[in-house]
Amino acid sequence: MTTQLATFAGGCFWCMVKPFDRYDGVLSVVSGYTGGDVPNPSYELVCTNTTGHREAVQITFDDSIISYEELLSIFWRQIDPTDAGGQFFDRGDSYKTAIYTHSEEQSALAMTSKQSLQDSGKFKQPIQTDILPAKTFYPAEEGHQDYYLKNPTHYNRYAVGSGRENFKKENWSDQQ
């Protein structure tokens, strides 16, 4: 078994765990913060949009079972890649989308997938998701881990109320 990391910022990290958690080859999905320069940030600090961190998930996966390209495909189907100001109900720098790459190969694959999505014509607006080198990833507080399992009623209400689920149905129903 060979394991790799994939790190994605897709807005609220609560909504980014469940989509990846169900796939064979995904060994863990951790909610956290990355991209900034403040060590060991807290949720409250990241929400001030002054740390440079974004809410993100870090996925440990077995690349002999699930590929990085498959993870990229799953990622794109969870977000509005044309939104430069956050995601759905959540606004600000800490909710902007990004693919944080852990190698030159991941960077090339991420750029190719972004260009393919842009070229597909699926969205009329340009794709705004950043592709950046991975920085230190700080796991979020325990209450944010596996939120969809610990608080399913609140999670489902949030996922629908934020507009995320409706966007996914409207734009990706043919590829769920």
C-alpha atoms as a PDB file:
ATOM      1  CA  MET A   1       0.000   0.000   0.000  1.00  0.00           C
ATOM      2  CA  THR A   2       1.263   3.455  -0.889  1.00  0.00           C
ATOM      3  CA  THR A   3      -0.378   6.418   0.769  1.00  0.00           C
ATOM      4  CA  GLN A   4      -0.520  10.000  -0.367  1.00  0.00           C
ATOM      5  CA  LEU A   5      -2.061  13.216   0.871  1.00  0.00           C
ATOM      6  CA  ALA A   6      -4.568  15.397  -0.935  1.00  0.00           C
ATOM      7  CA  THR A   7      -5.582  18.750   0.526  1.00  0.00           C
ATOM      8  CA  PHE A   8      -8.641  20.652  -0.659  1.00  0.00           C
ATOM      9  CA  ALA A   9     -10.296  23.863   0.504  1.00  0.00           C
ATOM     10  CA  GLY A  10     -13.930  23.843  -0.537  1.00  0.00           C
ATOM     11  CA  GLY A  11     -15.612  26.314   1.761  1.00  0.00           C
ATOM     12  CA  CYS A  12     -17.013  24.967   5.018  1.00  0.00           C
ATOM     13  CA  PHE A  13     -14.954  21.933   5.919  1.00  0.00           C
ATOM     14  CA  TRP A  14     -17.984  20.190   7.455  1.00  0.00           C
ATOM     15  CA  CYS A  15     -19.358  19.763   3.931  1.00  0.00           C
ATOM     16  CA  MET A  16     -16.097  18.484   2.476  1.00  0.00           C
ATOM     17  CA  VAL A  17     -15.625  15.390   4.645  1.00  0.00           C
ATOM     18  CA  LYS A  18     -18.674  13.274   3.788  1.00  0.00           C
ATOM     19  CA  PRO A  19     -18.180  13.303  -0.011  1.00  0.00           C
ATOM     20  CA  PHE A  20     -14.715  11.743   0.308  1.00  0.00           C
ATOM     21  CA  ASP A  21     -15.350   9.537   3.331  1.00  0.00           C
ATOM     22  CA  ARG A  22     -17.430   7.024   1.394  1.00  0.00           C
ATOM     23  CA  TYR A  23     -14.806   5.962  -1.156  1.00  0.00           C
ATOM     24  CA  ASP A  24     -12.664   2.850  -0.953  1.00  0.00           C
ATOM     25  CA  GLY A  25      -9.026   3.836  -0.712  1.00  0.00           C
ATOM     26  CA  VAL A  26      -9.717   6.959   1.340  1.00  0.00           C
ATOM     27  CA  LEU A  27      -8.093   6.161   4.668  1.00  0.00           C
ATOM     28  CA  SER A  28      -8.917   9.366   6.533  1.00  0.00           C
ATOM     29  CA  VAL A  29     -10.412  12.817   5.993  1.00  0.00           C
ATOM     30  CA  VAL A  30      -9.371  15.454   8.528  1.00  0.00           C
ATOM     31  CA  SER A  31     -10.917  18.920   8.809  1.00  0.00           C
ATOM     32  CA  GLY A  32      -8.441  21.709   9.409  1.00  0.00           C
ATOM     33  CA  TYR A  33      -6.756  24.912   8.353  1.00  0.00           C
ATOM     34  CA  THR A  34      -3.995  25.560   5.857  1.00  0.00           C
ATOM     35  CA  GLY A  35      -2.479  28.182   3.606  1.00  0.00           C
ATOM     36  CA  GLY A  36      -1.733  30.827   6.205  1.00  0.00           C
ATOM     37  CA  ASP A  37       1.230  31.861   8.276  1.00  0.00           C
ATOM     38  CA  VAL A  38      -0.215  31.776  11.798  1.00  0.00           C
ATOM     39  CA  PRO A  39       0.870  28.622  13.638  1.00  0.00           C
ATOM     40  CA  ASN A  40      -1.781  26.488  15.355  1.00  0.00           C
ATOM     41  CA  PRO A  41      -4.777  28.648  14.435  1.00  0.00           C
ATOM     42  CA  SER A  42      -8.163  28.206  16.073  1.00  0.00           C
ATOM     43  CA  TYR A  43     -11.539  28.214  14.341  1.00  0.00           C
ATOM     44  CA  GLU A  44     -12.328  31.616  15.848  1.00  0.00           C
ATOM     45  CA  LEU A  45      -9.045  33.089  14.615  1.00  0.00           C
ATOM     46  CA  VAL A  46      -9.382  31.652  11.098  1.00  0.00           C
ATOM     47  CA  CYS A  47     -12.921  33.074  10.876  1.00  0.00           C
ATOM     48  CA  THR A  48     -11.505  36.592  11.305  1.00  0.00           C
ATOM     49  CA  ASN A  49      -9.981  36.235   7.809  1.00  0.00           C
ATOM     50  CA  THR A  50      -6.691  37.656   9.107  1.00  0.00           C
ATOM     51  CA  THR A  51      -4.561  34.482   9.234  1.00  0.00           C
ATOM     52  CA  GLY A  52      -4.356  33.596   5.546  1.00  0.00           C
ATOM     53  CA  HIS A  53      -5.699  30.133   6.405  1.00  0.00           C
ATOM     54  CA  ARG A  54      -8.613  28.492   4.655  1.00  0.00           C
ATOM     55  CA  GLU A  55     -10.875  25.808   6.001  1.00  0.00           C
ATOM     56  CA  ALA A  56      -9.745  22.622   4.284  1.00  0.00           C
ATOM     57  CA  VAL A  57      -9.720  18.859   4.424  1.00  0.00           C
ATOM     58  CA  GLN A  58      -6.644  16.699   4.260  1.00  0.00           C
ATOM     59  CA  ILE A  59      -7.216  13.264   2.813  1.00  0.00           C
ATOM     60  CA  THR A  60      -4.904  10.321   3.298  1.00  0.00           C
ATOM     61  CA  PHE A  61      -5.502   7.855   0.493  1.00  0.00           C
ATOM     62  CA  ASP A  62      -4.164   4.627  -0.934  1.00  0.00           C
ATOM     63  CA  ASP A  63      -3.304   5.506  -4.518  1.00  0.00           C
ATOM     64  CA  SER A  64      -3.443   1.854  -5.566  1.00  0.00           C
ATOM     65  CA  ILE A  65      -7.203   1.951  -4.863  1.00  0.00           C
ATOM     66  CA  ILE A  66      -8.239   5.530  -5.627  1.00  0.00           C
ATOM     67  CA  SER A  67      -6.264   7.962  -7.761  1.00  0.00           C
ATOM     68  CA  TYR A  68      -5.535  11.625  -7.194  1.00  0.00           C
ATOM     69  CA  GLU A  69      -7.425  12.333 -10.430  1.00  0.00           C
ATOM     70  CA  GLU A  70     -10.518  10.660  -8.962  1.00  0.00           C
ATOM     71  CA  LEU A  71     -10.202  12.790  -5.829  1.00  0.00           C
ATOM     72  CA  LEU A  72      -9.947  15.910  -7.980  1.00  0.00           C
ATOM     73  CA  SER A  73     -13.127  14.913  -9.788  1.00  0.00           C
ATOM     74  CA  ILE A  74     -14.936  14.437  -6.477  1.00  0.00           C
ATOM     75  CA  PHE A  75     -13.635  17.814  -5.250  1.00  0.00           C
ATOM     76  CA  TRP A  76     -14.911  19.764  -8.259  1.00  0.00           C
ATOM     77  CA  ARG A  77     -18.400  18.302  -7.775  1.00  0.00           C
ATOM     78  CA  GLN A  78     -18.629  19.678  -4.202  1.00  0.00           C
ATOM     79  CA  ILE A  79     -17.986  23.358  -4.912  1.00  0.00           C
ATOM     80  CA  ASP A  80     -18.932  26.359  -7.011  1.00  0.00           C
ATOM     81  CA  PRO A  81     -15.552  26.776  -8.725  1.00  0.00           C
ATOM     82  CA  THR A  82     -16.557  30.175 -10.163  1.00  0.00           C
ATOM     83  CA  ASP A  83     -17.056  31.857  -6.771  1.00  0.00           C
ATOM     84  CA  ALA A  84     -14.000  33.936  -5.863  1.00  0.00           C
ATOM     85  CA  GLY A  85     -15.454  35.255  -2.578  1.00  0.00           C
ATOM     86  CA  GLY A  86     -16.130  32.081  -0.604  1.00  0.00           C
ATOM     87  CA  GLN A  87     -18.610  29.281  -0.965  1.00  0.00           C
ATOM     88  CA  PHE A  88     -22.368  29.518  -0.857  1.00  0.00           C
ATOM     89  CA  PHE A  89     -23.537  31.010   2.461  1.00  0.00           C
ATOM     90  CA  ASP A  90     -19.964  31.375   3.765  1.00  0.00           C
ATOM     91  CA  ARG A  91     -18.056  34.432   2.599  1.00  0.00           C
ATOM     92  CA  GLY A  92     -14.483  35.590   3.057  1.00  0.00           C
ATOM     93  CA  ASP A  93     -10.931  34.404   2.523  1.00  0.00           C
ATOM     94  CA  SER A  94     -11.194  31.455   4.909  1.00  0.00           C
ATOM     95  CA  TYR A  95     -13.932  29.954   2.702  1.00  0.00           C
ATOM     96  CA  LYS A  96     -12.259  30.381  -0.685  1.00  0.00           C
ATOM     97  CA  THR A  97     -11.559  27.252  -2.697  1.00  0.00           C
ATOM     98  CA  ALA A  98      -8.102  25.864  -3.352  1.00  0.00           C
ATOM     99  CA  ILE A  99      -6.266  22.719  -4.272  1.00  0.00           C
ATOM    100  CA  TYR A 100      -3.093  22.443  -2.194  1.00  0.00           C
ATOM    101  CA  THR A 101      -0.626  20.199  -4.001  1.00  0.00           C
ATOM    102  CA  HIS A 102       1.965  17.969  -2.360  1.00  0.00           C
ATOM    103  CA  SER A 103       4.124  17.276  -5.427  1.00  0.00           C
ATOM    104  CA  GLU A 104       4.873  18.487  -8.929  1.00  0.00           C
ATOM    105  CA  GLU A 105       2.770  15.606 -10.254  1.00  0.00           C
ATOM    106  CA  GLN A 106      -0.238  16.684  -8.175  1.00  0.00           C
ATOM    107  CA  SER A 107       0.247  20.259  -9.324  1.00  0.00           C
ATOM    108  CA  ALA A 108       0.263  19.222 -12.984  1.00  0.00           C
ATOM    109  CA  LEU A 109      -2.804  17.002 -12.516  1.00  0.00           C
ATOM    110  CA  ALA A 110      -4.660  19.770 -10.672  1.00  0.00           C
ATOM    111  CA  MET A 111      -3.866  22.330 -13.378  1.00  0.00           C
ATOM    112  CA  THR A 112      -4.985  19.905 -16.083  1.00  0.00           C
ATOM    113  CA  SER A 113      -8.262  19.183 -14.279  1.00  0.00           C
ATOM    114  CA  LYS A 114      -8.925  22.892 -13.748  1.00  0.00           C
ATOM    115  CA  GLN A 115      -8.278  23.643 -17.419  1.00  0.00           C
ATOM    116  CA  SER A 116     -10.481  20.731 -18.478  1.00  0.00           C
ATOM    117  CA  LEU A 117     -13.324  22.049 -16.344  1.00  0.00           C
ATOM    118  CA  GLN A 118     -12.866  25.540 -17.794  1.00  0.00           C
ATOM    119  CA  ASP A 119     -12.764  24.178 -21.356  1.00  0.00           C
ATOM    120  CA  SER A 120     -15.844  22.000 -20.791  1.00  0.00           C
ATOM    121  CA  GLY A 121     -18.154  25.009 -20.938  1.00  0.00           C
ATOM    122  CA  LYS A 122     -20.038  23.702 -17.895  1.00  0.00           C
ATOM    123  CA  PHE A 123     -19.702  27.136 -16.284  1.00  0.00           C
ATOM    124  CA  LYS A 124     -19.992  30.459 -18.103  1.00  0.00           C
ATOM    125  CA  GLN A 125     -17.785  32.255 -15.565  1.00  0.00           C
ATOM    126  CA  PRO A 126     -14.044  31.537 -15.194  1.00  0.00           C
ATOM    127  CA  ILE A 127     -12.882  28.899 -12.732  1.00  0.00           C
ATOM    128  CA  GLN A 128     -11.584  30.753  -9.650  1.00  0.00           C
ATOM    129  CA  THR A 129     -10.168  27.882  -7.578  1.00  0.00           C
ATOM    130  CA  ASP A 130      -6.523  28.439  -6.662  1.00  0.00           C
ATOM    131  CA  ILE A 131      -3.862  25.771  -7.102  1.00  0.00           C
ATOM    132  CA  LEU A 132      -1.174  26.313  -4.486  1.00  0.00           C
ATOM    133  CA  PRO A 133       1.728  24.399  -2.961  1.00  0.00           C
ATOM    134  CA  ALA A 134       0.726  22.635   0.253  1.00  0.00           C
ATOM    135  CA  LYS A 135       1.659  24.361   3.480  1.00  0.00           C
ATOM    136  CA  THR A 136       1.427  23.139   7.050  1.00  0.00           C
ATOM    137  CA  PHE A 137      -1.983  21.635   7.746  1.00  0.00           C
ATOM    138  CA  TYR A 138      -3.420  22.165  11.218  1.00  0.00           C
ATOM    139  CA  PRO A 139      -6.226  19.808  12.247  1.00  0.00           C
ATOM    140  CA  ALA A 140      -9.325  21.627  13.451  1.00  0.00           C
ATOM    141  CA  GLU A 141     -10.739  21.218  16.924  1.00  0.00           C
ATOM    142  CA  GLU A 142     -12.298  17.824  17.710  1.00  0.00           C
ATOM    143  CA  GLY A 143     -15.850  19.196  17.518  1.00  0.00           C
ATOM    144  CA  HIS A 144     -15.313  19.909  13.804  1.00  0.00           C
ATOM    145  CA  GLN A 145     -14.058  16.421  12.944  1.00  0.00           C
ATOM    146  CA  ASP A 146     -16.590  14.106  11.249  1.00  0.00           C
ATOM    147  CA  TYR A 147     -19.292  16.694  11.881  1.00  0.00           C
ATOM    148  CA  TYR A 148     -21.741  15.013   9.514  1.00  0.00           C
ATOM    149  CA  LEU A 149     -21.628  11.877  11.698  1.00  0.00           C
ATOM    150  CA  LYS A 150     -21.727  13.616  15.078  1.00  0.00           C
ATOM    151  CA  ASN A 151     -24.449  16.146  14.229  1.00  0.00           C
ATOM    152  CA  PRO A 152     -26.364  14.784  11.226  1.00  0.00           C
ATOM    153  CA  THR A 153     -29.493  16.907  11.666  1.00  0.00           C
ATOM    154  CA  HIS A 154     -27.575  20.178  11.910  1.00  0.00           C
ATOM    155  CA  TYR A 155     -25.188  19.126   9.151  1.00  0.00           C
ATOM    156  CA  ASN A 156     -28.012  18.308   6.728  1.00  0.00           C
ATOM    157  CA  ARG A 157     -29.863  21.522   7.547  1.00  0.00           C
ATOM    158  CA  TYR A 158     -26.660  23.503   6.943  1.00  0.00           C
ATOM    159  CA  ALA A 159     -25.743  21.702   3.694  1.00  0.00           C
ATOM    160  CA  VAL A 160     -29.198  22.434   2.272  1.00  0.00           C
ATOM    161  CA  GLY A 161     -29.654  25.901   3.818  1.00  0.00           C
ATOM    162  CA  SER A 162     -26.264  27.136   2.627  1.00  0.00           C
ATOM    163  CA  GLY A 163     -27.242  26.463  -0.982  1.00  0.00           C
ATOM    164  CA  ARG A 164     -24.528  23.836  -1.520  1.00  0.00           C
ATOM    165  CA  GLU A 165     -26.827  20.847  -2.044  1.00  0.00           C
ATOM    166  CA  ASN A 166     -29.068  22.703  -4.502  1.00  0.00           C
ATOM    167  CA  PHE A 167     -26.028  23.912  -6.475  1.00  0.00           C
ATOM    168  CA  LYS A 168     -24.682  20.358  -6.664  1.00  0.00           C
ATOM    169  CA  LYS A 169     -28.031  19.027  -7.889  1.00  0.00           C
ATOM    170  CA  GLU A 170     -28.366  21.752 -10.514  1.00  0.00           C
ATOM    171  CA  ASN A 171     -24.804  21.483 -11.816  1.00  0.00           C
ATOM    172  CA  TRP A 172     -23.644  17.944 -11.169  1.00  0.00           C
ATOM    173  CA  SER A 173     -26.766  15.744 -11.024  1.00  0.00           C
ATOM    174  CA  ASP A 174     -25.586  13.956 -14.146  1.00  0.00           C
ATOM    175  CA  GLN A 175     -22.338  12.961 -12.406  1.00  0.00           C
ATOM    176  CA  GLN A 176     -23.225  12.237  -8.781  1.00  0.00           C
END
